[in-house]
């Protein structure tokens, strides 16, 4: 089966099929399936994470594992819901290392991010969000096309082509990895603050 070219894809349903047929990098060989983005078809906010995790790979939906629960809590605290957003990842297949029965997450490399970029571009073209919230370094690299230090740009709306903006923040999994409870709560609140900054940006006059 030939993989559809992004320029020929006119719907999210067709895009999902093309992503699942993708062999542009080796990650498809071990993953259960591609994990396409989901959400409002004309959402003003697109949330971009890194890649699917174990549960996402099994269920075929983004952010349905522990990081997804953190994201849901943060969205609610910011006055948003999943229904307000389109949620996706920079890389569509799960990259992992097998350790016994466990599949341990491995960060996608530059090659995998670049090879998967056509699918994120297609999602952006179909959804046409005004704001892209890039969560984590992988998402920032994919959205901007180059590495950027999150600490230097976090919380600021950065201009992108087609009158869109990107707001960089941390990935929800970063919050999960914090062991100190007080620090974890503080970082969660900061994450919520970033999401609220995105809402304020959208409310500004064009």
N, C-alpha and C. Protein backbone atom coordinates (compact mmCIF):
# COMPACT_ATOMS: atom_id res chain seq x y z
N UNK A 1 0.85 -1.20 0.00
CA UNK A 1 0.00 0.00 0.00
C UNK A 1 0.87 1.24 0.00
N UNK A 2 0.67 2.14 -0.97
CA UNK A 2 1.46 3.36 -1.04
C UNK A 2 1.01 4.35 0.02
N UNK A 3 1.98 5.03 0.61
CA UNK A 3 1.68 6.04 1.62
C UNK A 3 1.22 7.31 0.92
N UNK A 4 0.08 7.84 1.36
CA UNK A 4 -0.41 9.08 0.78
C UNK A 4 0.55 10.22 1.09
N UNK A 5 0.75 11.10 0.14
CA UNK A 5 1.55 12.28 0.36
C UNK A 5 0.71 13.31 1.11
N UNK A 6 1.33 14.06 2.03
CA UNK A 6 0.58 15.02 2.84
C UNK A 6 -0.25 16.01 2.03
N UNK A 7 0.25 16.43 0.87
CA UNK A 7 -0.48 17.41 0.07
C UNK A 7 -1.80 16.85 -0.46
N UNK A 8 -1.91 15.51 -0.51
CA UNK A 8 -3.13 14.88 -1.02
C UNK A 8 -4.13 14.59 0.09
N UNK A 9 -3.76 14.85 1.34
CA UNK A 9 -4.61 14.51 2.48
C UNK A 9 -5.52 15.69 2.82
N UNK A 10 -6.82 15.45 2.79
CA UNK A 10 -7.78 16.53 2.99
C UNK A 10 -8.62 16.38 4.25
N UNK A 11 -8.38 15.34 5.04
CA UNK A 11 -9.17 15.14 6.25
C UNK A 11 -8.31 14.46 7.31
N UNK A 12 -8.70 14.62 8.57
CA UNK A 12 -7.97 13.97 9.66
C UNK A 12 -8.11 12.45 9.58
N UNK A 13 -9.24 11.99 9.09
CA UNK A 13 -9.42 10.54 8.93
C UNK A 13 -8.41 9.98 7.93
N UNK A 14 -8.26 10.66 6.80
CA UNK A 14 -7.27 10.22 5.81
C UNK A 14 -5.86 10.32 6.36
N UNK A 15 -5.63 11.34 7.16
CA UNK A 15 -4.30 11.53 7.76
C UNK A 15 -3.97 10.38 8.71
N UNK A 16 -4.94 9.94 9.48
CA UNK A 16 -4.71 8.81 10.38
C UNK A 16 -4.29 7.57 9.61
N UNK A 17 -4.95 7.33 8.49
CA UNK A 17 -4.59 6.18 7.67
C UNK A 17 -3.18 6.28 7.12
N UNK A 18 -2.80 7.48 6.68
CA UNK A 18 -1.46 7.68 6.14
C UNK A 18 -0.41 7.52 7.22
N UNK A 19 -0.67 8.00 8.42
CA UNK A 19 0.28 7.87 9.52
C UNK A 19 0.49 6.41 9.89
N UNK A 20 -0.59 5.64 9.87
CA UNK A 20 -0.47 4.22 10.22
C UNK A 20 0.25 3.42 9.14
N UNK A 21 0.29 3.94 7.91
CA UNK A 21 1.01 3.27 6.83
C UNK A 21 2.45 3.78 6.70
N UNK A 22 2.84 4.69 7.57
CA UNK A 22 4.15 5.35 7.43
C UNK A 22 5.31 4.41 7.78
N UNK A 23 6.33 4.43 6.93
CA UNK A 23 7.57 3.69 7.18
C UNK A 23 8.78 4.61 6.99
N UNK A 24 8.59 5.90 7.22
CA UNK A 24 9.64 6.88 6.96
C UNK A 24 10.83 6.76 7.92
N UNK A 25 10.62 6.16 9.09
CA UNK A 25 11.73 5.87 10.01
C UNK A 25 11.47 4.50 10.62
N UNK A 26 12.45 3.88 11.25
CA UNK A 26 12.29 2.49 11.73
C UNK A 26 11.34 2.30 12.91
N UNK A 27 10.84 3.36 13.53
CA UNK A 27 10.05 3.20 14.74
C UNK A 27 8.77 2.40 14.53
N UNK A 28 8.25 2.39 13.32
CA UNK A 28 7.00 1.66 13.04
C UNK A 28 7.18 0.15 13.24
N UNK A 29 8.42 -0.35 13.14
CA UNK A 29 8.65 -1.79 13.16
C UNK A 29 8.29 -2.43 14.50
N UNK A 30 8.52 -1.71 15.60
CA UNK A 30 8.28 -2.29 16.92
C UNK A 30 7.05 -1.73 17.61
N UNK A 31 6.54 -0.61 17.14
CA UNK A 31 5.35 -0.02 17.75
C UNK A 31 4.10 -0.82 17.39
N UNK A 32 3.10 -0.77 18.26
CA UNK A 32 1.83 -1.44 17.98
C UNK A 32 1.10 -0.77 16.83
N UNK A 33 1.15 0.55 16.81
CA UNK A 33 0.43 1.33 15.82
C UNK A 33 0.91 2.78 15.89
N UNK A 34 0.58 3.56 14.89
CA UNK A 34 0.79 4.99 14.98
C UNK A 34 -0.28 5.58 15.90
N UNK A 35 0.07 6.69 16.54
CA UNK A 35 -0.88 7.36 17.42
C UNK A 35 -1.15 8.76 16.87
N UNK A 36 -2.24 8.93 16.14
CA UNK A 36 -2.54 10.24 15.55
C UNK A 36 -3.09 11.21 16.58
N UNK A 37 -3.11 12.47 16.22
CA UNK A 37 -3.71 13.47 17.08
C UNK A 37 -5.22 13.34 17.10
N UNK A 38 -5.83 13.84 18.19
CA UNK A 38 -7.28 13.82 18.32
C UNK A 38 -7.75 15.14 18.91
N UNK A 39 -9.02 15.43 18.70
CA UNK A 39 -9.59 16.62 19.31
C UNK A 39 -10.44 17.40 18.35
N UNK A 40 -10.76 18.63 18.74
CA UNK A 40 -11.61 19.50 17.94
C UNK A 40 -10.96 19.74 16.58
N UNK A 41 -11.74 19.60 15.52
CA UNK A 41 -11.17 19.67 14.17
C UNK A 41 -10.74 21.07 13.78
N UNK A 42 -11.28 22.09 14.44
CA UNK A 42 -10.85 23.47 14.18
C UNK A 42 -10.49 24.15 15.50
N UNK A 43 -9.77 23.42 16.33
CA UNK A 43 -9.38 23.95 17.64
C UNK A 43 -8.43 25.13 17.48
N UNK A 44 -8.58 26.12 18.32
CA UNK A 44 -7.68 27.27 18.28
C UNK A 44 -6.37 26.96 18.99
N UNK A 45 -6.38 25.94 19.85
CA UNK A 45 -5.17 25.53 20.58
C UNK A 45 -4.80 24.11 20.18
N UNK A 46 -3.56 23.91 19.77
CA UNK A 46 -3.02 22.57 19.53
C UNK A 46 -1.94 22.30 20.56
N UNK A 47 -2.07 21.20 21.27
CA UNK A 47 -1.08 20.78 22.26
C UNK A 47 -0.21 19.70 21.63
N UNK A 48 1.09 19.91 21.62
CA UNK A 48 2.02 18.97 21.00
C UNK A 48 2.97 18.41 22.06
N UNK A 49 2.95 17.09 22.23
CA UNK A 49 3.88 16.44 23.14
C UNK A 49 5.04 15.82 22.39
N UNK A 50 5.71 14.87 23.02
CA UNK A 50 6.91 14.27 22.44
C UNK A 50 6.57 13.10 21.52
N UNK A 51 6.09 12.01 22.12
CA UNK A 51 5.77 10.78 21.39
C UNK A 51 4.80 9.98 22.24
N UNK A 52 4.16 8.96 21.67
CA UNK A 52 3.29 8.10 22.48
C UNK A 52 4.11 7.35 23.53
N UNK A 53 3.46 7.07 24.65
CA UNK A 53 4.04 6.20 25.65
C UNK A 53 3.46 4.80 25.53
N UNK A 54 3.68 3.98 26.53
CA UNK A 54 3.23 2.59 26.50
C UNK A 54 1.72 2.47 26.32
N UNK A 55 0.96 3.19 27.14
CA UNK A 55 -0.50 3.10 27.06
C UNK A 55 -1.04 3.72 25.78
N UNK A 56 -0.41 4.80 25.35
CA UNK A 56 -0.83 5.44 24.11
C UNK A 56 -0.63 4.50 22.92
N UNK A 57 0.50 3.80 22.93
CA UNK A 57 0.80 2.84 21.86
C UNK A 57 -0.23 1.72 21.82
N UNK A 58 -0.68 1.28 22.98
CA UNK A 58 -1.65 0.19 23.05
C UNK A 58 -3.05 0.67 22.65
N UNK A 59 -3.44 1.86 23.13
CA UNK A 59 -4.80 2.35 22.90
C UNK A 59 -4.95 3.15 21.60
N UNK A 60 -3.83 3.62 21.05
CA UNK A 60 -3.90 4.37 19.81
C UNK A 60 -4.37 5.80 19.97
N UNK A 61 -4.30 6.34 21.19
CA UNK A 61 -4.73 7.71 21.46
C UNK A 61 -3.64 8.43 22.26
N UNK A 62 -3.45 9.73 22.03
CA UNK A 62 -2.41 10.47 22.75
C UNK A 62 -2.82 10.84 24.18
N UNK A 63 -1.86 10.82 25.06
CA UNK A 63 -2.03 11.29 26.44
C UNK A 63 -3.17 10.57 27.18
N UNK A 64 -3.11 9.25 27.19
CA UNK A 64 -4.08 8.46 27.94
C UNK A 64 -3.43 7.74 29.12
N UNK A 65 -2.12 7.93 29.32
CA UNK A 65 -1.40 7.33 30.44
C UNK A 65 -1.25 8.33 31.59
N UNK A 66 -0.27 8.11 32.47
CA UNK A 66 -0.05 9.00 33.63
C UNK A 66 0.17 10.46 33.24
N UNK A 67 0.96 10.72 32.19
CA UNK A 67 1.18 12.10 31.76
C UNK A 67 -0.12 12.73 31.28
N UNK A 68 -0.98 11.93 30.69
CA UNK A 68 -2.28 12.42 30.26
C UNK A 68 -3.16 12.86 31.41
N UNK A 69 -3.06 12.15 32.54
CA UNK A 69 -3.85 12.54 33.71
C UNK A 69 -3.36 13.88 34.26
N UNK A 70 -2.04 14.08 34.25
CA UNK A 70 -1.50 15.38 34.68
C UNK A 70 -1.98 16.48 33.74
N UNK A 71 -1.96 16.20 32.44
CA UNK A 71 -2.42 17.18 31.47
C UNK A 71 -3.88 17.52 31.69
N UNK A 72 -4.72 16.53 31.91
CA UNK A 72 -6.15 16.77 32.13
C UNK A 72 -6.36 17.66 33.36
N UNK A 73 -5.63 17.38 34.43
CA UNK A 73 -5.75 18.17 35.66
C UNK A 73 -5.32 19.62 35.40
N UNK A 74 -4.25 19.78 34.65
CA UNK A 74 -3.75 21.13 34.35
C UNK A 74 -4.71 21.89 33.46
N UNK A 75 -5.26 21.22 32.46
CA UNK A 75 -6.24 21.86 31.59
C UNK A 75 -7.45 22.33 32.39
N UNK A 76 -7.94 21.48 33.29
CA UNK A 76 -9.09 21.85 34.11
C UNK A 76 -8.75 23.05 35.00
N UNK A 77 -7.57 23.04 35.59
CA UNK A 77 -7.15 24.15 36.46
C UNK A 77 -7.01 25.45 35.67
N UNK A 78 -6.69 25.33 34.37
CA UNK A 78 -6.53 26.52 33.53
C UNK A 78 -7.85 26.97 32.91
N UNK A 79 -8.92 26.19 33.13
CA UNK A 79 -10.21 26.55 32.56
C UNK A 79 -10.43 26.01 31.16
N UNK A 80 -9.71 24.94 30.82
CA UNK A 80 -9.84 24.31 29.51
C UNK A 80 -10.26 22.86 29.68
N UNK A 81 -10.57 22.22 28.56
CA UNK A 81 -10.83 20.79 28.55
C UNK A 81 -10.23 20.23 27.26
N UNK A 82 -10.19 18.92 27.16
CA UNK A 82 -9.69 18.30 25.92
C UNK A 82 -10.54 18.71 24.72
N UNK A 83 -11.81 18.94 24.97
CA UNK A 83 -12.70 19.32 23.89
C UNK A 83 -12.38 20.67 23.28
N UNK A 84 -11.61 21.47 24.00
CA UNK A 84 -11.21 22.79 23.49
C UNK A 84 -9.96 22.72 22.63
N UNK A 85 -9.28 21.58 22.64
CA UNK A 85 -7.94 21.49 22.06
C UNK A 85 -7.84 20.36 21.04
N UNK A 86 -6.79 20.43 20.25
CA UNK A 86 -6.36 19.29 19.44
C UNK A 86 -5.05 18.82 20.06
N UNK A 87 -4.98 17.53 20.41
CA UNK A 87 -3.84 17.01 21.16
C UNK A 87 -3.09 15.99 20.31
N UNK A 88 -1.78 16.17 20.20
CA UNK A 88 -0.99 15.29 19.34
C UNK A 88 0.43 15.19 19.87
N UNK A 89 1.29 14.53 19.10
CA UNK A 89 2.70 14.39 19.44
C UNK A 89 3.57 14.69 18.23
N UNK A 90 4.80 15.08 18.50
CA UNK A 90 5.74 15.36 17.42
C UNK A 90 6.09 14.09 16.65
N UNK A 91 6.21 12.98 17.35
CA UNK A 91 6.53 11.67 16.76
C UNK A 91 5.35 10.75 17.00
N UNK A 92 4.94 10.01 16.00
CA UNK A 92 3.69 9.25 16.06
C UNK A 92 3.83 7.80 16.50
N UNK A 93 5.05 7.26 16.51
CA UNK A 93 5.26 5.88 16.96
C UNK A 93 6.07 5.87 18.26
N UNK A 94 5.80 4.88 19.08
CA UNK A 94 6.43 4.73 20.39
C UNK A 94 7.86 4.20 20.24
N UNK A 95 8.82 4.96 20.75
CA UNK A 95 10.21 4.52 20.78
C UNK A 95 10.52 4.03 22.19
N UNK A 96 10.99 2.80 22.29
CA UNK A 96 11.21 2.22 23.63
C UNK A 96 12.34 1.20 23.61
N UNK A 97 12.75 0.85 24.81
CA UNK A 97 13.73 -0.22 25.02
C UNK A 97 13.08 -1.31 25.86
N UNK A 98 13.13 -2.55 25.40
CA UNK A 98 12.50 -3.65 26.12
C UNK A 98 13.37 -4.08 27.29
N UNK A 99 12.80 -4.06 28.49
CA UNK A 99 13.48 -4.54 29.69
C UNK A 99 12.60 -5.58 30.36
N UNK A 100 12.85 -6.84 30.06
CA UNK A 100 11.98 -7.88 30.56
C UNK A 100 10.61 -7.70 29.94
N UNK A 101 9.59 -7.57 30.80
CA UNK A 101 8.23 -7.36 30.30
C UNK A 101 7.90 -5.88 30.13
N UNK A 102 8.79 -5.02 30.57
CA UNK A 102 8.52 -3.58 30.52
C UNK A 102 9.08 -2.95 29.25
N UNK A 103 8.40 -1.95 28.77
CA UNK A 103 8.88 -1.16 27.64
C UNK A 103 9.24 0.23 28.16
N UNK A 104 10.51 0.54 28.19
CA UNK A 104 10.97 1.80 28.76
C UNK A 104 11.10 2.85 27.66
N UNK A 105 10.53 3.99 27.93
CA UNK A 105 10.54 5.12 26.99
C UNK A 105 11.96 5.53 26.61
N UNK A 106 12.18 5.79 25.34
CA UNK A 106 13.44 6.36 24.85
C UNK A 106 13.10 7.62 24.06
N UNK A 107 13.87 8.67 24.27
CA UNK A 107 13.59 9.94 23.60
C UNK A 107 13.87 9.82 22.10
N UNK A 108 12.97 10.32 21.26
CA UNK A 108 13.23 10.31 19.82
C UNK A 108 14.45 11.15 19.47
N UNK A 109 15.18 10.72 18.46
CA UNK A 109 16.34 11.47 17.98
C UNK A 109 15.94 12.47 16.91
N UNK A 110 16.91 13.28 16.51
CA UNK A 110 16.66 14.31 15.50
C UNK A 110 16.15 13.71 14.19
N UNK A 111 16.71 12.58 13.79
CA UNK A 111 16.28 11.94 12.55
C UNK A 111 14.80 11.57 12.61
N UNK A 112 14.39 10.95 13.71
CA UNK A 112 13.00 10.52 13.85
C UNK A 112 12.05 11.71 13.92
N UNK A 113 12.46 12.75 14.60
CA UNK A 113 11.63 13.97 14.68
C UNK A 113 11.46 14.57 13.29
N UNK A 114 12.55 14.66 12.56
CA UNK A 114 12.50 15.27 11.23
C UNK A 114 11.69 14.42 10.25
N UNK A 115 11.83 13.11 10.31
CA UNK A 115 11.10 12.23 9.40
C UNK A 115 9.59 12.24 9.67
N UNK A 116 9.23 12.51 10.92
CA UNK A 116 7.82 12.51 11.30
C UNK A 116 7.18 13.90 11.16
N UNK A 117 7.99 14.88 10.83
CA UNK A 117 7.50 16.26 10.84
C UNK A 117 6.39 16.49 9.82
N UNK A 118 6.39 15.75 8.73
CA UNK A 118 5.35 15.96 7.72
C UNK A 118 3.95 15.71 8.28
N UNK A 119 3.85 14.80 9.26
CA UNK A 119 2.53 14.49 9.82
C UNK A 119 2.07 15.60 10.76
N UNK A 120 2.98 16.16 11.53
CA UNK A 120 2.61 17.31 12.37
C UNK A 120 2.22 18.49 11.49
N UNK A 121 2.98 18.73 10.44
CA UNK A 121 2.64 19.82 9.51
C UNK A 121 1.25 19.61 8.91
N UNK A 122 0.92 18.36 8.59
CA UNK A 122 -0.39 18.06 8.02
C UNK A 122 -1.50 18.33 9.03
N UNK A 123 -1.28 17.96 10.28
CA UNK A 123 -2.27 18.23 11.32
C UNK A 123 -2.48 19.73 11.48
N UNK A 124 -1.40 20.48 11.48
CA UNK A 124 -1.50 21.94 11.62
C UNK A 124 -2.28 22.53 10.45
N UNK A 125 -2.01 22.04 9.24
CA UNK A 125 -2.69 22.55 8.05
C UNK A 125 -4.19 22.24 8.08
N UNK A 126 -4.57 21.08 8.62
CA UNK A 126 -5.97 20.69 8.66
C UNK A 126 -6.74 21.35 9.81
N UNK A 127 -6.09 21.47 10.96
CA UNK A 127 -6.76 22.02 12.15
C UNK A 127 -6.70 23.55 12.17
N UNK A 128 -5.63 24.12 11.64
CA UNK A 128 -5.38 25.56 11.60
C UNK A 128 -5.49 26.23 12.97
N UNK A 129 -4.72 25.77 13.95
CA UNK A 129 -4.78 26.41 15.28
C UNK A 129 -4.13 27.79 15.25
N UNK A 130 -4.59 28.66 16.12
CA UNK A 130 -3.96 29.97 16.27
C UNK A 130 -2.73 29.88 17.17
N UNK A 131 -2.77 28.93 18.12
CA UNK A 131 -1.68 28.77 19.09
C UNK A 131 -1.29 27.31 19.19
N UNK A 132 0.02 27.04 19.13
CA UNK A 132 0.55 25.70 19.34
C UNK A 132 1.32 25.70 20.65
N UNK A 133 0.88 24.90 21.59
CA UNK A 133 1.59 24.76 22.87
C UNK A 133 2.52 23.57 22.74
N UNK A 134 3.81 23.84 22.66
CA UNK A 134 4.83 22.79 22.51
C UNK A 134 5.30 22.36 23.89
N UNK A 135 5.02 21.11 24.24
CA UNK A 135 5.33 20.61 25.58
C UNK A 135 6.58 19.74 25.55
N UNK A 136 7.69 20.32 25.97
CA UNK A 136 8.95 19.59 26.00
C UNK A 136 9.84 19.91 24.82
N UNK A 137 11.12 19.55 24.95
CA UNK A 137 12.14 19.92 23.97
C UNK A 137 11.89 19.30 22.60
N UNK A 138 11.41 18.06 22.57
CA UNK A 138 11.14 17.40 21.29
C UNK A 138 10.04 18.14 20.53
N UNK A 139 8.99 18.52 21.22
CA UNK A 139 7.90 19.26 20.59
C UNK A 139 8.37 20.61 20.08
N UNK A 140 9.16 21.30 20.88
CA UNK A 140 9.68 22.61 20.48
C UNK A 140 10.52 22.47 19.21
N UNK A 141 11.38 21.46 19.18
CA UNK A 141 12.24 21.26 18.00
C UNK A 141 11.40 20.97 16.77
N UNK A 142 10.37 20.17 16.92
CA UNK A 142 9.54 19.82 15.78
C UNK A 142 8.75 21.02 15.27
N UNK A 143 8.16 21.77 16.18
CA UNK A 143 7.34 22.91 15.78
C UNK A 143 8.19 24.02 15.16
N UNK A 144 9.35 24.30 15.76
CA UNK A 144 10.21 25.39 15.29
C UNK A 144 11.17 24.97 14.17
N UNK A 145 11.43 23.67 14.09
CA UNK A 145 12.39 23.19 13.10
C UNK A 145 13.82 23.28 13.56
N UNK A 146 14.04 23.61 14.82
CA UNK A 146 15.39 23.69 15.37
C UNK A 146 15.32 23.59 16.89
N UNK A 147 16.41 23.15 17.55
CA UNK A 147 16.40 23.08 19.01
C UNK A 147 16.35 24.48 19.61
N UNK A 148 15.61 24.61 20.70
CA UNK A 148 15.55 25.86 21.46
C UNK A 148 15.49 25.52 22.94
N UNK A 149 16.06 26.36 23.77
CA UNK A 149 16.08 26.14 25.21
C UNK A 149 14.75 26.60 25.81
N UNK A 150 14.01 25.67 26.38
CA UNK A 150 12.69 25.99 26.91
C UNK A 150 12.77 27.07 27.98
N UNK A 151 13.78 27.01 28.83
CA UNK A 151 13.89 28.00 29.91
C UNK A 151 13.97 29.43 29.41
N UNK A 152 14.48 29.62 28.21
CA UNK A 152 14.64 30.97 27.66
C UNK A 152 13.38 31.49 26.97
N UNK A 153 12.52 30.59 26.53
CA UNK A 153 11.36 31.02 25.75
C UNK A 153 10.04 30.64 26.42
N UNK A 154 10.10 29.99 27.55
CA UNK A 154 8.89 29.48 28.20
C UNK A 154 7.89 30.60 28.50
N UNK A 155 6.65 30.33 28.17
CA UNK A 155 5.58 31.26 28.50
C UNK A 155 5.41 32.43 27.56
N UNK A 156 6.25 32.51 26.52
CA UNK A 156 6.17 33.62 25.57
C UNK A 156 5.61 33.11 24.24
N UNK A 157 4.77 33.91 23.61
CA UNK A 157 4.21 33.55 22.31
C UNK A 157 5.21 33.90 21.22
N UNK A 158 5.73 32.88 20.55
CA UNK A 158 6.74 33.06 19.51
C UNK A 158 6.08 32.96 18.14
N UNK A 159 6.41 33.89 17.26
CA UNK A 159 5.79 33.95 15.94
C UNK A 159 6.20 32.75 15.10
N UNK A 160 5.21 32.17 14.40
CA UNK A 160 5.40 31.09 13.45
C UNK A 160 4.81 31.54 12.11
N UNK A 161 5.08 30.80 11.04
CA UNK A 161 4.45 31.14 9.75
C UNK A 161 2.92 31.08 9.83
N UNK A 162 2.26 31.73 8.90
CA UNK A 162 0.79 31.71 8.78
C UNK A 162 0.09 32.33 9.98
N UNK A 163 0.71 33.33 10.58
CA UNK A 163 0.09 34.09 11.68
C UNK A 163 -0.21 33.25 12.91
N UNK A 164 0.52 32.14 13.08
CA UNK A 164 0.36 31.33 14.27
C UNK A 164 1.43 31.69 15.30
N UNK A 165 1.21 31.23 16.52
CA UNK A 165 2.18 31.45 17.58
C UNK A 165 2.46 30.13 18.29
N UNK A 166 3.65 29.99 18.84
CA UNK A 166 4.01 28.84 19.65
C UNK A 166 4.31 29.29 21.06
N UNK A 167 3.79 28.57 22.02
CA UNK A 167 4.10 28.80 23.43
C UNK A 167 4.77 27.55 23.96
N UNK A 168 5.98 27.70 24.47
CA UNK A 168 6.75 26.55 24.95
C UNK A 168 6.54 26.35 26.45
N UNK A 169 6.44 25.10 26.84
CA UNK A 169 6.35 24.75 28.25
C UNK A 169 6.95 23.35 28.44
N UNK A 170 6.88 22.84 29.66
CA UNK A 170 7.43 21.52 29.93
C UNK A 170 6.43 20.45 29.52
N UNK A 171 6.92 19.23 29.40
CA UNK A 171 6.05 18.08 29.15
C UNK A 171 5.47 17.62 30.49
N UNK A 172 4.21 17.20 30.53
CA UNK A 172 3.63 16.74 31.80
C UNK A 172 4.44 15.62 32.47
N UNK A 173 5.13 14.80 31.70
CA UNK A 173 5.92 13.72 32.30
C UNK A 173 7.06 14.27 33.15
N UNK A 174 7.53 15.48 32.82
CA UNK A 174 8.56 16.12 33.64
C UNK A 174 8.05 16.32 35.06
N UNK A 175 6.81 16.72 35.20
CA UNK A 175 6.21 16.94 36.52
C UNK A 175 6.11 15.62 37.27
N UNK A 176 5.76 14.56 36.57
CA UNK A 176 5.64 13.25 37.20
C UNK A 176 6.97 12.75 37.78
N UNK A 177 8.07 13.13 37.13
CA UNK A 177 9.38 12.64 37.57
C UNK A 177 9.93 13.37 38.80
N UNK A 178 9.30 14.44 39.22
CA UNK A 178 9.77 15.20 40.38
C UNK A 178 9.38 14.46 41.65
N UNK A 179 10.35 14.14 42.47
CA UNK A 179 10.09 13.34 43.67
C UNK A 179 9.59 14.18 44.84
N UNK A 180 10.16 15.37 45.00
CA UNK A 180 9.76 16.23 46.11
C UNK A 180 8.34 16.75 45.87
N UNK A 181 7.45 16.50 46.82
CA UNK A 181 6.04 16.82 46.62
C UNK A 181 5.81 18.32 46.48
N UNK A 182 6.48 19.13 47.29
CA UNK A 182 6.30 20.58 47.21
C UNK A 182 6.78 21.10 45.86
N UNK A 183 7.92 20.60 45.41
CA UNK A 183 8.45 21.02 44.12
C UNK A 183 7.54 20.59 42.98
N UNK A 184 6.99 19.38 43.11
CA UNK A 184 6.07 18.88 42.08
C UNK A 184 4.84 19.79 41.97
N UNK A 185 4.28 20.16 43.13
CA UNK A 185 3.11 21.05 43.12
C UNK A 185 3.47 22.41 42.51
N UNK A 186 4.66 22.91 42.83
CA UNK A 186 5.08 24.21 42.31
C UNK A 186 5.22 24.15 40.79
N UNK A 187 5.80 23.07 40.28
CA UNK A 187 5.97 22.94 38.84
C UNK A 187 4.63 22.72 38.13
N UNK A 188 3.72 22.05 38.80
CA UNK A 188 2.38 21.88 38.24
C UNK A 188 1.69 23.23 38.11
N UNK A 189 1.80 24.05 39.14
CA UNK A 189 1.18 25.37 39.10
C UNK A 189 1.79 26.23 37.99
N UNK A 190 3.10 26.09 37.81
CA UNK A 190 3.76 26.84 36.74
C UNK A 190 3.28 26.38 35.36
N UNK A 191 3.06 25.08 35.23
CA UNK A 191 2.53 24.52 33.99
C UNK A 191 1.14 25.09 33.71
N UNK A 192 0.31 25.16 34.73
CA UNK A 192 -1.03 25.74 34.60
C UNK A 192 -0.93 27.21 34.20
N UNK A 193 0.01 27.92 34.79
CA UNK A 193 0.23 29.33 34.45
C UNK A 193 0.56 29.48 32.97
N UNK A 194 1.37 28.57 32.44
CA UNK A 194 1.70 28.61 31.01
C UNK A 194 0.45 28.43 30.16
N UNK A 195 -0.40 27.49 30.54
CA UNK A 195 -1.63 27.26 29.78
C UNK A 195 -2.54 28.48 29.84
N UNK A 196 -2.61 29.10 31.00
CA UNK A 196 -3.43 30.32 31.13
C UNK A 196 -2.87 31.45 30.28
N UNK A 197 -1.54 31.50 30.15
CA UNK A 197 -0.93 32.51 29.28
C UNK A 197 -1.37 32.30 27.84
N UNK A 198 -1.50 31.04 27.44
CA UNK A 198 -1.99 30.74 26.10
C UNK A 198 -3.42 31.21 25.89
N UNK A 199 -4.25 31.02 26.90
CA UNK A 199 -5.65 31.47 26.82
C UNK A 199 -5.69 32.99 26.68
N UNK A 200 -4.88 33.69 27.46
CA UNK A 200 -4.86 35.16 27.38
C UNK A 200 -4.42 35.62 26.00
N UNK A 201 -3.47 34.92 25.41
CA UNK A 201 -3.02 35.28 24.07
C UNK A 201 -4.17 35.16 23.06
N UNK A 202 -4.95 34.11 23.18
CA UNK A 202 -6.04 33.89 22.24
C UNK A 202 -7.14 34.93 22.39
N UNK A 203 -7.26 35.51 23.57
CA UNK A 203 -8.30 36.50 23.81
C UNK A 203 -7.90 37.90 23.34
N UNK A 204 -6.63 38.08 22.98
CA UNK A 204 -6.19 39.38 22.50
C UNK A 204 -6.77 39.65 21.12
N UNK A 205 -7.08 40.91 20.82
CA UNK A 205 -7.58 41.25 19.48
C UNK A 205 -6.56 40.87 18.42
N UNK A 206 -7.02 40.42 17.28
CA UNK A 206 -6.11 40.03 16.20
C UNK A 206 -5.36 41.24 15.69
